Amino acid sequence: MKKYNKRWMVCCGLFVSLNILPATVHAQFGDTNPDPDAPIDGGIGLLLAAGIGYGVKKVRDNRKKRTAQLH
């Protein structure tokens, strides 16, 4: 019976502490120096490179298609 009571108390204690803990603990208090500018150069560069690669592929495919139709 003591084992059951001890297990019950541990479970209740964990339940209560895990429900109260998120309300009392904060990961951050806020940004003291907000940065209004977002770095977008990496994403734009990748999109530009992908667009150029896709365009080159389409041009090559069209040229192959035209040469195959002529012969």
Protein backbone atom coordinates (compact mmCIF):
# COMPACT_ATOMS: atom_id res chain seq x y z
CA MET A 1 0.00 0.00 0.00
CA LYS A 2 2.87 2.40 0.76
CA LYS A 3 4.34 1.76 -2.68
CA TYR A 4 1.03 2.71 -4.30
CA ASN A 5 0.76 5.91 -2.24
CA LYS A 6 4.35 6.90 -3.02
CA ARG A 7 3.83 6.34 -6.74
CA TRP A 8 0.59 8.34 -6.63
CA MET A 9 2.30 11.24 -4.87
CA VAL A 10 5.17 11.29 -7.39
CA CYS A 11 2.72 11.30 -10.31
CA CYS A 12 0.67 14.10 -8.77
CA GLY A 13 3.80 16.11 -8.00
CA LEU A 14 5.06 15.76 -11.55
CA PHE A 15 1.68 16.68 -12.96
CA VAL A 16 1.40 19.82 -10.86
CA SER A 17 4.99 20.92 -11.46
CA LEU A 18 4.76 20.40 -15.22
CA ASN A 19 1.56 22.43 -15.36
CA ILE A 20 2.91 25.30 -13.26
CA LEU A 21 6.42 25.40 -14.75
CA PRO A 22 5.53 26.86 -18.18
CA ALA A 23 3.67 29.73 -16.53
CA THR A 24 6.65 30.73 -14.39
CA VAL A 25 9.59 30.16 -16.75
CA HIS A 26 10.26 32.42 -19.72
CA ALA A 27 12.82 31.63 -22.38
CA GLN A 28 13.34 35.27 -23.38
CA PHE A 29 12.19 38.58 -22.05
CA GLY A 30 12.20 40.27 -25.43
CA ASP A 31 14.56 41.71 -27.97
CA THR A 32 16.36 44.71 -26.50
CA ASN A 33 17.73 45.83 -29.89
CA PRO A 34 15.25 44.97 -32.63
CA ASP A 35 16.77 44.61 -36.09
CA PRO A 36 14.29 45.94 -38.65
CA ASP A 37 16.21 44.65 -41.68
CA ALA A 38 15.97 40.99 -42.55
CA PRO A 39 18.83 39.33 -44.44
CA ILE A 40 17.40 38.23 -47.78
CA ASP A 41 20.54 37.99 -49.89
CA GLY A 42 21.03 34.22 -49.42
CA GLY A 43 17.51 33.28 -50.48
CA ILE A 44 17.48 35.65 -53.43
CA GLY A 45 20.83 34.28 -54.63
CA LEU A 46 19.59 30.70 -54.47
CA LEU A 47 16.38 31.55 -56.30
CA LEU A 48 18.31 33.45 -58.95
CA ALA A 49 20.72 30.56 -59.49
CA ALA A 50 17.83 28.07 -59.72
CA GLY A 51 16.04 30.29 -62.25
CA ILE A 52 19.14 30.63 -64.41
CA GLY A 53 19.73 26.88 -64.31
CA TYR A 54 16.12 26.17 -65.24
CA GLY A 55 16.29 28.68 -68.11
CA VAL A 56 19.49 27.14 -69.48
CA LYS A 57 17.91 23.68 -69.33
CA LYS A 58 14.82 24.88 -71.23
CA VAL A 59 16.94 26.55 -73.92
CA ARG A 60 19.00 23.37 -74.40
CA ASP A 61 15.87 21.21 -74.56
CA ASN A 62 14.30 23.50 -77.18
CA ARG A 63 17.48 23.44 -79.29
CA LYS A 64 17.62 19.65 -79.14
CA LYS A 65 13.95 19.47 -80.08
CA ARG A 66 14.43 21.80 -83.09
CA THR A 67 17.49 19.91 -84.38
CA ALA A 68 15.65 16.60 -84.02
CA GLN A 69 12.70 17.97 -86.05
CA LEU A 70 14.95 19.22 -88.84
CA HIS A 71 16.64 15.85 -89.40
